[in-house]
Amino acid sequence: MEELSDLAKEIIMLLIFEEEFNNIISETKEPNKYAVRDELKNLIVKDFAKPAAEIETSIRKGFTYDSDRMFEYSYCLTAKGYKILEDLLKYLKK
């Protein structure tokens, strides 16, 4: 299984359903929103998560988003992200 930080695992568990960036921040244990932002960017780079939609316009996004304005988007898991989630859940059951 891919080596992930505890925060990355926490974010992956939150992205079972599409989540807005501010909700991700409020639902993690990490108090630093910049750490959450950086970890989400890493998950996007690894193709485990992706921007889903622009919040204000509801325009669906694919791989394009403005990383300086991450709070304007919602995010979801990719197929690779769901595989990691499945592995995490199996590991937690043990």
N, C-alpha and C. Protein backbone atom coordinates (compact mmCIF):
# COMPACT_ATOMS: atom_id res chain seq x y z
N MET A 1 0.84 -1.18 0.00
CA MET A 1 0.00 0.00 0.00
C MET A 1 0.89 1.25 0.00
N GLU A 2 0.41 2.27 -0.63
CA GLU A 2 1.10 3.57 -0.71
C GLU A 2 1.32 4.13 0.70
N GLU A 3 2.52 4.66 0.94
CA GLU A 3 2.80 5.32 2.22
C GLU A 3 2.13 6.69 2.23
N LEU A 4 1.23 6.90 3.16
CA LEU A 4 0.51 8.15 3.28
C LEU A 4 0.59 8.66 4.71
N SER A 5 0.57 9.96 4.85
CA SER A 5 0.54 10.55 6.18
C SER A 5 -0.85 10.33 6.79
N ASP A 6 -0.93 10.51 8.09
CA ASP A 6 -2.23 10.37 8.76
C ASP A 6 -3.24 11.38 8.22
N LEU A 7 -2.76 12.58 7.92
CA LEU A 7 -3.65 13.60 7.37
C LEU A 7 -4.16 13.19 5.99
N ALA A 8 -3.29 12.65 5.16
CA ALA A 8 -3.72 12.19 3.83
C ALA A 8 -4.77 11.10 3.95
N LYS A 9 -4.57 10.18 4.87
CA LYS A 9 -5.56 9.12 5.09
C LYS A 9 -6.89 9.71 5.55
N GLU A 10 -6.82 10.68 6.42
CA GLU A 10 -8.02 11.34 6.92
C GLU A 10 -8.78 12.03 5.78
N ILE A 11 -8.05 12.71 4.92
CA ILE A 11 -8.67 13.39 3.78
C ILE A 11 -9.31 12.38 2.83
N ILE A 12 -8.62 11.30 2.56
CA ILE A 12 -9.17 10.26 1.68
C ILE A 12 -10.47 9.72 2.25
N MET A 13 -10.51 9.50 3.55
CA MET A 13 -11.74 9.00 4.19
C MET A 13 -12.88 10.01 4.07
N LEU A 14 -12.56 11.29 4.03
CA LEU A 14 -13.59 12.33 3.90
C LEU A 14 -14.12 12.44 2.47
N LEU A 15 -13.33 12.03 1.50
CA LEU A 15 -13.71 12.22 0.11
C LEU A 15 -14.49 11.05 -0.48
N ILE A 16 -15.10 10.25 0.38
CA ILE A 16 -15.99 9.20 -0.12
C ILE A 16 -17.08 9.85 -0.97
N PHE A 17 -17.55 11.00 -0.52
CA PHE A 17 -18.49 11.81 -1.28
C PHE A 17 -17.79 13.13 -1.60
N GLU A 18 -18.27 13.82 -2.60
CA GLU A 18 -17.71 15.11 -2.98
C GLU A 18 -17.79 16.08 -1.81
N GLU A 19 -16.68 16.75 -1.51
CA GLU A 19 -16.62 17.69 -0.38
C GLU A 19 -16.02 19.02 -0.81
N GLU A 20 -16.58 20.09 -0.29
CA GLU A 20 -16.00 21.41 -0.50
C GLU A 20 -14.74 21.55 0.34
N PHE A 21 -13.82 22.36 -0.13
CA PHE A 21 -12.54 22.52 0.55
C PHE A 21 -12.72 22.95 2.01
N ASN A 22 -13.58 23.92 2.26
CA ASN A 22 -13.78 24.39 3.64
C ASN A 22 -14.34 23.30 4.54
N ASN A 23 -15.15 22.40 3.99
CA ASN A 23 -15.66 21.27 4.78
C ASN A 23 -14.54 20.30 5.11
N ILE A 24 -13.65 20.09 4.17
CA ILE A 24 -12.50 19.21 4.43
C ILE A 24 -11.68 19.75 5.59
N ILE A 25 -11.43 21.05 5.56
CA ILE A 25 -10.66 21.69 6.63
C ILE A 25 -11.38 21.51 7.98
N SER A 26 -12.67 21.78 8.00
CA SER A 26 -13.40 21.74 9.27
C SER A 26 -13.57 20.32 9.80
N GLU A 27 -13.48 19.31 8.95
CA GLU A 27 -13.70 17.93 9.39
C GLU A 27 -12.42 17.17 9.69
N THR A 28 -11.25 17.78 9.45
CA THR A 28 -10.01 17.11 9.81
C THR A 28 -9.57 17.52 11.20
N LYS A 29 -8.69 16.74 11.77
CA LYS A 29 -8.14 17.06 13.09
C LYS A 29 -7.02 18.09 13.01
N GLU A 30 -6.52 18.31 11.79
CA GLU A 30 -5.41 19.24 11.58
C GLU A 30 -5.90 20.69 11.70
N PRO A 31 -5.36 21.46 12.65
CA PRO A 31 -5.82 22.84 12.82
C PRO A 31 -5.28 23.81 11.76
N ASN A 32 -4.22 23.42 11.06
CA ASN A 32 -3.58 24.30 10.09
C ASN A 32 -4.17 24.08 8.70
N LYS A 33 -4.93 25.06 8.19
CA LYS A 33 -5.57 24.90 6.88
C LYS A 33 -4.56 24.79 5.75
N TYR A 34 -3.37 25.33 5.96
CA TYR A 34 -2.34 25.25 4.93
C TYR A 34 -1.76 23.84 4.82
N ALA A 35 -1.69 23.15 5.93
CA ALA A 35 -1.25 21.75 5.90
C ALA A 35 -2.27 20.89 5.16
N VAL A 36 -3.56 21.17 5.40
CA VAL A 36 -4.62 20.43 4.70
C VAL A 36 -4.54 20.73 3.20
N ARG A 37 -4.34 22.00 2.87
CA ARG A 37 -4.23 22.40 1.46
C ARG A 37 -3.06 21.67 0.79
N ASP A 38 -1.91 21.67 1.44
CA ASP A 38 -0.73 21.03 0.85
C ASP A 38 -0.94 19.52 0.69
N GLU A 39 -1.56 18.91 1.67
CA GLU A 39 -1.79 17.46 1.59
C GLU A 39 -2.79 17.14 0.48
N LEU A 40 -3.82 17.96 0.34
CA LEU A 40 -4.78 17.75 -0.75
C LEU A 40 -4.10 17.92 -2.10
N LYS A 41 -3.23 18.91 -2.22
CA LYS A 41 -2.47 19.09 -3.47
C LYS A 41 -1.64 17.85 -3.77
N ASN A 42 -1.00 17.27 -2.75
CA ASN A 42 -0.22 16.05 -2.95
C ASN A 42 -1.10 14.90 -3.42
N LEU A 43 -2.29 14.79 -2.86
CA LEU A 43 -3.21 13.73 -3.29
C LEU A 43 -3.64 13.93 -4.74
N ILE A 44 -3.80 15.18 -5.15
CA ILE A 44 -4.15 15.48 -6.54
C ILE A 44 -2.99 15.12 -7.46
N VAL A 45 -1.78 15.46 -7.06
CA VAL A 45 -0.59 15.13 -7.87
C VAL A 45 -0.44 13.62 -8.02
N LYS A 46 -0.74 12.87 -6.96
CA LYS A 46 -0.64 11.41 -7.00
C LYS A 46 -1.83 10.76 -7.70
N ASP A 47 -2.78 11.57 -8.15
CA ASP A 47 -3.99 11.12 -8.83
C ASP A 47 -4.90 10.29 -7.92
N PHE A 48 -4.94 10.64 -6.63
CA PHE A 48 -5.85 10.00 -5.69
C PHE A 48 -7.10 10.85 -5.49
N ALA A 49 -7.01 12.14 -5.76
CA ALA A 49 -8.14 13.05 -5.63
C ALA A 49 -8.12 14.00 -6.81
N LYS A 50 -9.26 14.66 -7.04
CA LYS A 50 -9.33 15.63 -8.13
C LYS A 50 -10.36 16.69 -7.79
N PRO A 51 -10.22 17.87 -8.41
CA PRO A 51 -11.26 18.88 -8.24
C PRO A 51 -12.52 18.38 -8.94
N ALA A 52 -13.67 18.56 -8.31
CA ALA A 52 -14.91 18.07 -8.88
C ALA A 52 -15.73 19.19 -9.52
N ALA A 53 -15.87 20.30 -8.81
CA ALA A 53 -16.70 21.39 -9.33
C ALA A 53 -16.29 22.71 -8.71
N GLU A 54 -16.56 23.76 -9.43
CA GLU A 54 -16.39 25.11 -8.89
C GLU A 54 -17.65 25.40 -8.08
N ILE A 55 -17.52 25.80 -6.85
CA ILE A 55 -18.65 25.93 -5.94
C ILE A 55 -19.66 26.98 -6.41
N GLU A 56 -19.19 28.16 -6.74
CA GLU A 56 -20.10 29.25 -7.07
C GLU A 56 -20.89 29.00 -8.36
N THR A 57 -20.24 28.45 -9.37
CA THR A 57 -20.89 28.27 -10.67
C THR A 57 -21.40 26.85 -10.89
N SER A 58 -21.00 25.91 -10.05
CA SER A 58 -21.33 24.49 -10.20
C SER A 58 -20.79 23.90 -11.50
N ILE A 59 -19.82 24.55 -12.10
CA ILE A 59 -19.21 24.02 -13.31
C ILE A 59 -18.34 22.83 -12.92
N ARG A 60 -18.58 21.69 -13.58
CA ARG A 60 -17.83 20.49 -13.30
C ARG A 60 -16.40 20.66 -13.80
N LYS A 61 -15.45 20.23 -13.01
CA LYS A 61 -14.04 20.34 -13.36
C LYS A 61 -13.48 18.95 -13.61
N GLY A 62 -12.43 18.89 -14.34
CA GLY A 62 -11.74 17.64 -14.55
C GLY A 62 -10.41 17.70 -13.85
N PHE A 63 -9.42 18.13 -14.56
CA PHE A 63 -8.08 18.21 -13.98
C PHE A 63 -7.63 19.65 -13.80
N THR A 64 -8.44 20.62 -14.21
CA THR A 64 -8.02 22.02 -14.10
C THR A 64 -8.66 22.69 -12.89
N TYR A 65 -7.87 23.45 -12.19
CA TYR A 65 -8.34 24.25 -11.07
C TYR A 65 -7.24 25.24 -10.73
N ASP A 66 -7.58 26.26 -9.99
CA ASP A 66 -6.62 27.27 -9.58
C ASP A 66 -6.15 26.92 -8.17
N SER A 67 -4.94 26.44 -8.05
CA SER A 67 -4.44 25.97 -6.75
C SER A 67 -4.27 27.11 -5.74
N ASP A 68 -4.29 28.34 -6.22
CA ASP A 68 -4.23 29.48 -5.30
C ASP A 68 -5.60 29.78 -4.69
N ARG A 69 -6.65 29.22 -5.29
CA ARG A 69 -8.02 29.46 -4.81
C ARG A 69 -8.73 28.13 -4.57
N MET A 70 -8.09 27.26 -3.85
CA MET A 70 -8.63 25.91 -3.62
C MET A 70 -9.98 25.94 -2.91
N PHE A 71 -10.23 26.98 -2.11
CA PHE A 71 -11.47 27.07 -1.36
C PHE A 71 -12.69 27.26 -2.27
N GLU A 72 -12.47 27.54 -3.54
CA GLU A 72 -13.57 27.75 -4.47
C GLU A 72 -14.04 26.46 -5.14
N TYR A 73 -13.48 25.32 -4.76
CA TYR A 73 -13.78 24.07 -5.44
C TYR A 73 -14.22 22.99 -4.45
N SER A 74 -14.91 22.01 -5.00
CA SER A 74 -15.17 20.78 -4.25
C SER A 74 -14.25 19.71 -4.83
N TYR A 75 -14.04 18.66 -4.07
CA TYR A 75 -13.08 17.62 -4.45
C TYR A 75 -13.68 16.24 -4.24
N CYS A 76 -13.16 15.27 -4.98
CA CYS A 76 -13.61 13.89 -4.84
C CYS A 76 -12.44 12.96 -5.12
N LEU A 77 -12.63 11.69 -4.85
CA LEU A 77 -11.60 10.69 -5.11
C LEU A 77 -11.61 10.28 -6.58
N THR A 78 -10.48 9.85 -7.06
CA THR A 78 -10.37 9.24 -8.38
C THR A 78 -10.49 7.72 -8.19
N ALA A 79 -10.41 6.98 -9.27
CA ALA A 79 -10.44 5.52 -9.17
C ALA A 79 -9.26 5.02 -8.33
N LYS A 80 -8.08 5.63 -8.52
CA LYS A 80 -6.92 5.25 -7.71
C LYS A 80 -7.15 5.59 -6.24
N GLY A 81 -7.83 6.71 -6.00
CA GLY A 81 -8.15 7.11 -4.63
C GLY A 81 -9.09 6.12 -3.96
N TYR A 82 -10.07 5.62 -4.71
CA TYR A 82 -10.99 4.62 -4.15
C TYR A 82 -10.27 3.32 -3.85
N LYS A 83 -9.27 2.98 -4.66
CA LYS A 83 -8.47 1.78 -4.39
C LYS A 83 -7.69 1.95 -3.08
N ILE A 84 -7.11 3.13 -2.88
CA ILE A 84 -6.41 3.42 -1.63
C ILE A 84 -7.38 3.37 -0.46
N LEU A 85 -8.57 3.93 -0.63
CA LEU A 85 -9.60 3.90 0.41
C LEU A 85 -9.96 2.46 0.76
N GLU A 86 -10.13 1.63 -0.26
CA GLU A 86 -10.44 0.22 -0.02
C GLU A 86 -9.32 -0.45 0.78
N ASP A 87 -8.08 -0.17 0.43
CA ASP A 87 -6.93 -0.74 1.15
C ASP A 87 -6.91 -0.23 2.60
N LEU A 88 -7.21 1.05 2.80
CA LEU A 88 -7.25 1.61 4.16
C LEU A 88 -8.33 0.93 5.01
N LEU A 89 -9.48 0.73 4.42
CA LEU A 89 -10.58 0.09 5.16
C LEU A 89 -10.25 -1.35 5.51
N LYS A 90 -9.61 -2.06 4.60
CA LYS A 90 -9.18 -3.43 4.88
C LYS A 90 -8.17 -3.44 6.02
N TYR A 91 -7.24 -2.49 5.99
CA TYR A 91 -6.20 -2.40 7.03
C TYR A 91 -6.84 -2.08 8.39
N LEU A 92 -7.83 -1.21 8.41
CA LEU A 92 -8.49 -0.84 9.67
C LEU A 92 -9.30 -1.98 10.25
N LYS A 93 -9.79 -2.88 9.41
CA LYS A 93 -10.58 -4.03 9.90
C LYS A 93 -9.71 -5.03 10.65
N LYS A 94 -8.42 -5.09 10.33
CA LYS A 94 -7.52 -6.07 10.94
C LYS A 94 -7.30 -5.80 12.40
